[in-house]
Amino acid sequence: MAAKPGSAPTTYSPNLGQKTRPPIFKDNDLDWVRPDGRGFHQCRPAFFRTGAVNSASGSAYAELGNTKVIVSVFGPRESKKAMMYSDTGRLNCNVSYTTFGTPVRGQGSDHKEFSSMLHKALEGAIMLESFPKTTVDVFALVLESGGSDLPVVISCASLALADAGIMMYDLVAAVSVACLGKNLVIDPILEEESYQDGSLMLTCMPSRYEVTQLTFTGEWPTPDINEAMQLCLDACNKLGKVMRTCLKEAASASQE
């Protein structure tokens, strides 16, 4: 009801009490359950599909839980930048988020750090000498951020490159592990990443058993690093089989 003329205006004060998020597990609790019900060493089901963008030379769509990514590859095409002749080609990578893809709406933008890490993860797997003086552009778009975004982007980009017919030594699979208290959790979701004490991401070529990139944050005891790396290598090997199956199914469908 409106205040009467001449009377003091009605005022209100916001609640200044700070809201705190309840922890997903209690201290020293080894029996806590992950928010999505998975085991500590269990990855999310992976779905891949190639040919998602008709206008691109190659493309792929990946979905792991709530994390959804689409990658488009253009090229090889003549480099726009004037440069001296080079025996190797160039790889450009860009990772961006949609404005509705993150929990905080309207914050979609290019992610320079992820773009650089995507380049480093893929560069060692591509036969750059097979397309001299040309450029391959990789554009990754995170449609929805559900945790472990960069590993999903890298794996999806690898499939998109293969779909574009880019010569590669092997596909690149990526998996991350989060350190939550005394527990190592593979393929963490967004909620788990917000509480992690440290993270480790490994990208490798499964068939060659070669690591193309290893990054970690936080403080890690040496035994935990070794265990986390082994978890990632094993998961990358299994993820690589899923990715190769996707390519085989796409090839069979195109021949029919």
Protein backbone atom coordinates (compact mmCIF):
# COMPACT_ATOMS: atom_id res chain seq x y z
CA MET A 1 0.00 0.00 0.00
CA ALA A 2 1.35 3.46 -0.90
CA ALA A 3 2.41 5.75 1.94
CA LYS A 4 0.22 8.74 2.75
CA PRO A 5 1.46 12.18 1.66
CA GLY A 6 3.69 13.77 4.30
CA SER A 7 4.38 10.48 6.11
CA ALA A 8 7.83 8.94 6.39
CA PRO A 9 8.57 6.56 3.52
CA THR A 10 8.63 2.88 4.28
CA THR A 11 12.16 1.50 4.26
CA TYR A 12 13.63 -1.97 4.23
CA SER A 13 17.08 -3.39 4.74
CA PRO A 14 18.66 -6.35 2.93
CA ASN A 15 19.82 -9.35 4.88
CA LEU A 16 23.56 -8.83 5.32
CA GLY A 17 24.19 -12.35 6.50
CA GLN A 18 26.57 -14.10 4.11
CA LYS A 19 25.24 -17.23 2.51
CA THR A 20 27.57 -20.20 2.68
CA ARG A 21 27.42 -23.27 0.50
CA PRO A 22 27.12 -26.56 2.35
CA PRO A 23 30.16 -28.76 1.68
CA ILE A 24 29.59 -31.75 -0.58
CA PHE A 25 31.33 -33.94 1.99
CA LYS A 26 32.32 -33.73 5.63
CA ASP A 27 35.88 -33.65 6.87
CA ASN A 28 37.51 -37.08 6.97
CA ASP A 29 34.35 -38.61 5.50
CA LEU A 30 35.46 -41.35 3.11
CA ASP A 31 31.94 -42.58 2.42
CA TRP A 32 30.50 -39.47 0.80
CA VAL A 33 28.66 -39.89 -2.48
CA ARG A 34 29.34 -37.75 -5.54
CA PRO A 35 26.47 -35.39 -6.48
CA ASP A 36 25.69 -37.39 -9.63
CA GLY A 37 26.04 -40.77 -7.92
CA ARG A 38 29.21 -41.90 -9.73
CA GLY A 39 32.11 -43.66 -8.11
CA PHE A 40 35.32 -41.72 -7.47
CA HIS A 41 37.04 -43.35 -10.45
CA GLN A 42 34.04 -43.46 -12.77
CA CYS A 43 33.76 -41.11 -15.77
CA ARG A 44 30.53 -39.72 -17.16
CA PRO A 45 29.01 -41.49 -20.18
CA ALA A 46 30.44 -39.96 -23.36
CA PHE A 47 28.47 -39.17 -26.51
CA PHE A 48 30.23 -38.05 -29.71
CA ARG A 49 28.95 -37.24 -33.18
CA THR A 50 30.82 -35.97 -36.21
CA GLY A 51 29.48 -33.81 -39.05
CA ALA A 52 27.60 -31.45 -36.74
CA VAL A 53 28.32 -28.33 -38.84
CA ASN A 54 27.74 -28.69 -42.60
CA SER A 55 29.61 -25.52 -43.57
CA ALA A 56 32.85 -26.61 -41.89
CA SER A 57 35.61 -28.81 -43.32
CA GLY A 58 35.05 -31.06 -40.31
CA SER A 59 33.12 -30.84 -37.07
CA ALA A 60 32.11 -32.77 -33.98
CA TYR A 61 29.70 -32.57 -31.07
CA ALA A 62 30.49 -33.96 -27.63
CA GLU A 63 28.31 -34.42 -24.58
CA LEU A 64 29.52 -35.68 -21.22
CA GLY A 65 26.89 -35.21 -18.56
CA ASN A 66 25.85 -31.55 -18.61
CA THR A 67 28.97 -30.50 -20.51
CA LYS A 68 28.10 -29.89 -24.17
CA VAL A 69 30.65 -28.78 -26.77
CA ILE A 70 30.67 -28.28 -30.53
CA VAL A 71 33.86 -27.83 -32.56
CA SER A 72 34.26 -26.68 -36.17
CA VAL A 73 37.43 -27.04 -38.25
CA PHE A 74 38.19 -24.96 -41.35
CA GLY A 75 41.08 -25.65 -43.70
CA PRO A 76 43.76 -26.31 -44.58
CA ARG A 77 43.56 -23.00 -46.41
CA GLU A 78 46.09 -20.43 -47.53
CA SER A 79 47.31 -18.36 -44.63
CA LYS A 80 45.96 -14.81 -44.60
CA LYS A 81 49.07 -13.50 -42.89
CA ALA A 82 52.00 -12.75 -45.14
CA MET A 83 54.82 -15.01 -44.07
CA MET A 84 57.87 -16.68 -45.48
CA TYR A 85 57.55 -20.17 -46.85
CA SER A 86 57.40 -22.77 -44.12
CA ASP A 87 57.70 -26.52 -44.37
CA THR A 88 55.00 -26.90 -41.73
CA GLY A 89 51.45 -25.67 -41.50
CA ARG A 90 49.92 -23.50 -38.81
CA LEU A 91 47.26 -24.36 -36.27
CA ASN A 92 44.95 -21.72 -34.83
CA CYS A 93 42.65 -22.54 -31.92
CA ASN A 94 39.87 -20.58 -30.30
CA VAL A 95 37.67 -21.60 -27.36
CA SER A 96 34.61 -19.57 -26.44
CA TYR A 97 31.50 -19.89 -24.27
CA THR A 98 27.93 -19.07 -25.16
CA THR A 99 26.26 -16.37 -23.07
CA PHE A 100 23.91 -19.00 -21.65
CA GLY A 101 26.53 -21.72 -21.22
CA THR A 102 27.77 -20.79 -17.74
CA PRO A 103 25.94 -20.62 -14.39
CA VAL A 104 26.32 -16.82 -14.45
CA ARG A 105 24.31 -15.70 -17.46
CA GLY A 106 25.75 -13.20 -19.88
CA GLN A 107 29.41 -14.07 -19.28
CA GLY A 108 30.06 -15.95 -22.50
CA SER A 109 33.30 -14.89 -24.18
CA ASP A 110 36.55 -16.10 -25.67
CA HIS A 111 38.76 -18.04 -23.27
CA LYS A 112 42.39 -17.23 -24.16
CA GLU A 113 43.91 -19.63 -21.62
CA PHE A 114 41.82 -22.56 -22.87
CA SER A 115 42.61 -21.61 -26.47
CA SER A 116 46.33 -21.78 -25.75
CA MET A 117 46.02 -25.11 -23.92
CA LEU A 118 43.92 -26.57 -26.73
CA HIS A 119 46.64 -25.59 -29.20
CA LYS A 120 49.36 -27.24 -27.11
CA ALA A 121 47.34 -30.43 -26.67
CA LEU A 122 46.65 -30.85 -30.40
CA GLU A 123 49.86 -29.55 -31.95
CA GLY A 124 51.90 -32.65 -31.13
CA ALA A 125 49.34 -34.99 -32.71
CA ILE A 126 48.92 -33.20 -36.06
CA MET A 127 51.24 -33.81 -39.00
CA LEU A 128 51.82 -30.11 -39.64
CA GLU A 129 54.31 -30.91 -42.40
CA SER A 130 51.46 -32.38 -44.46
CA PHE A 131 50.00 -28.92 -45.23
CA PRO A 132 52.89 -26.43 -45.64
CA LYS A 133 52.17 -22.69 -45.82
CA THR A 134 48.54 -23.22 -44.96
CA THR A 135 46.46 -22.82 -41.83
CA VAL A 136 43.95 -24.98 -40.01
CA ASP A 137 41.49 -23.12 -37.80
CA VAL A 138 39.78 -24.85 -34.88
CA PHE A 139 36.79 -23.12 -33.27
CA ALA A 140 35.39 -24.69 -30.11
CA LEU A 141 32.15 -23.47 -28.57
CA VAL A 142 31.04 -24.59 -25.11
CA LEU A 143 27.27 -24.73 -25.30
CA GLU A 144 26.86 -25.68 -21.65
CA SER A 145 29.45 -25.78 -18.89
CA GLY A 146 28.98 -28.79 -16.66
CA GLY A 147 32.53 -29.36 -15.42
CA SER A 148 35.75 -30.67 -16.99
CA ASP A 149 35.09 -28.35 -19.93
CA LEU A 150 38.62 -28.24 -21.36
CA PRO A 151 39.14 -32.03 -21.54
CA VAL A 152 35.84 -32.35 -23.40
CA VAL A 153 36.83 -29.53 -25.76
CA ILE A 154 40.18 -31.19 -26.54
CA SER A 155 38.67 -34.61 -27.21
CA CYS A 156 35.92 -33.12 -29.36
CA ALA A 157 38.41 -30.99 -31.32
CA SER A 158 40.48 -34.08 -32.04
CA LEU A 159 37.44 -35.78 -33.55
CA ALA A 160 36.61 -32.68 -35.60
CA LEU A 161 40.15 -32.64 -37.04
CA ALA A 162 39.83 -36.30 -38.01
CA ASP A 163 36.44 -35.57 -39.59
CA ALA A 164 38.11 -32.81 -41.63
CA GLY A 165 40.66 -35.28 -42.97
CA ILE A 166 43.62 -33.62 -41.24
CA MET A 167 46.58 -36.00 -41.06
CA MET A 168 47.23 -36.98 -37.46
CA TYR A 169 49.48 -39.42 -35.66
CA ASP A 170 46.56 -40.40 -33.44
CA LEU A 171 43.42 -39.03 -31.85
CA VAL A 172 43.89 -36.96 -28.69
CA ALA A 173 41.86 -37.87 -25.61
CA ALA A 174 41.80 -35.74 -22.46
CA VAL A 175 40.69 -36.45 -18.90
CA SER A 176 41.00 -34.50 -15.66
CA VAL A 177 41.17 -35.50 -11.98
CA ALA A 178 40.24 -33.33 -8.99
CA CYS A 179 41.69 -33.62 -5.51
CA LEU A 180 38.91 -33.31 -2.93
CA GLY A 181 40.30 -33.72 0.55
CA LYS A 182 41.98 -37.12 0.60
CA ASN A 183 40.07 -38.35 -2.42
CA LEU A 184 40.94 -38.31 -6.12
CA VAL A 185 37.86 -37.79 -8.27
CA ILE A 186 38.01 -38.36 -12.02
CA ASP A 187 36.05 -36.30 -14.54
CA PRO A 188 34.74 -33.79 -11.95
CA ILE A 189 31.51 -31.89 -12.51
CA LEU A 190 31.12 -28.15 -11.97
CA GLU A 191 30.09 -28.47 -8.31
CA GLU A 192 33.09 -30.65 -7.50
CA GLU A 193 35.48 -28.27 -9.29
CA SER A 194 34.31 -25.41 -7.07
CA TYR A 195 35.51 -27.31 -3.98
CA GLN A 196 38.64 -28.98 -5.33
CA ASP A 197 41.99 -28.50 -3.60
CA GLY A 198 43.86 -29.23 -6.82
CA SER A 199 43.31 -30.43 -10.37
CA LEU A 200 45.29 -32.43 -12.91
CA MET A 201 44.58 -32.72 -16.63
CA LEU A 202 46.30 -35.14 -18.97
CA THR A 203 45.96 -35.33 -22.74
CA CYS A 204 47.44 -38.20 -24.69
CA MET A 205 47.42 -40.19 -27.92
CA PRO A 206 45.99 -43.50 -26.65
CA SER A 207 47.24 -45.77 -29.44
CA ARG A 208 50.80 -44.46 -29.11
CA TYR A 209 50.63 -44.09 -25.32
CA GLU A 210 52.20 -40.62 -25.64
CA VAL A 211 51.28 -37.63 -23.47
CA THR A 212 50.79 -34.37 -25.37
CA GLN A 213 50.07 -32.18 -22.35
CA LEU A 214 50.08 -32.43 -18.56
CA THR A 215 48.88 -29.60 -16.35
CA PHE A 216 48.04 -29.46 -12.67
CA THR A 217 47.14 -26.85 -10.07
CA GLY A 218 47.33 -26.88 -6.29
CA GLU A 219 49.66 -28.86 -4.07
CA TRP A 220 50.02 -32.53 -4.97
CA PRO A 221 52.00 -35.16 -3.06
CA THR A 222 54.09 -37.27 -5.43
CA PRO A 223 52.11 -40.50 -4.80
CA ASP A 224 48.86 -38.69 -5.61
CA ILE A 225 50.29 -37.30 -8.87
CA ASN A 226 51.34 -40.79 -9.95
CA GLU A 227 47.92 -42.22 -9.09
CA ALA A 228 46.08 -39.38 -10.83
CA MET A 229 48.19 -39.75 -13.98
CA GLN A 230 47.53 -43.48 -14.09
CA LEU A 231 43.79 -42.87 -13.67
CA CYS A 232 43.87 -40.37 -16.55
CA LEU A 233 45.89 -42.64 -18.84
CA ASP A 234 43.51 -45.53 -18.27
CA ALA A 235 40.47 -43.31 -18.82
CA CYS A 236 42.02 -41.77 -21.97
CA ASN A 237 42.56 -45.24 -23.39
CA LYS A 238 38.89 -46.12 -22.87
CA LEU A 239 37.73 -42.72 -24.16
CA GLY A 240 39.87 -43.17 -27.26
CA LYS A 241 38.01 -46.39 -28.07
CA VAL A 242 34.69 -44.53 -27.85
CA MET A 243 36.04 -41.81 -30.16
CA ARG A 244 37.32 -44.33 -32.73
CA THR A 245 33.97 -46.12 -32.68
CA CYS A 246 32.29 -42.79 -33.49
CA LEU A 247 34.56 -42.32 -36.51
CA LYS A 248 33.97 -45.86 -37.73
CA GLU A 249 30.20 -45.47 -37.47
CA ALA A 250 30.35 -42.16 -39.36
CA ALA A 251 32.49 -43.75 -42.11
CA SER A 252 30.11 -46.70 -42.42
CA ALA A 253 27.10 -44.39 -42.62
CA SER A 254 28.70 -42.32 -45.39
CA GLN A 255 29.34 -45.43 -47.51
CA GLU A 256 25.74 -46.60 -47.33
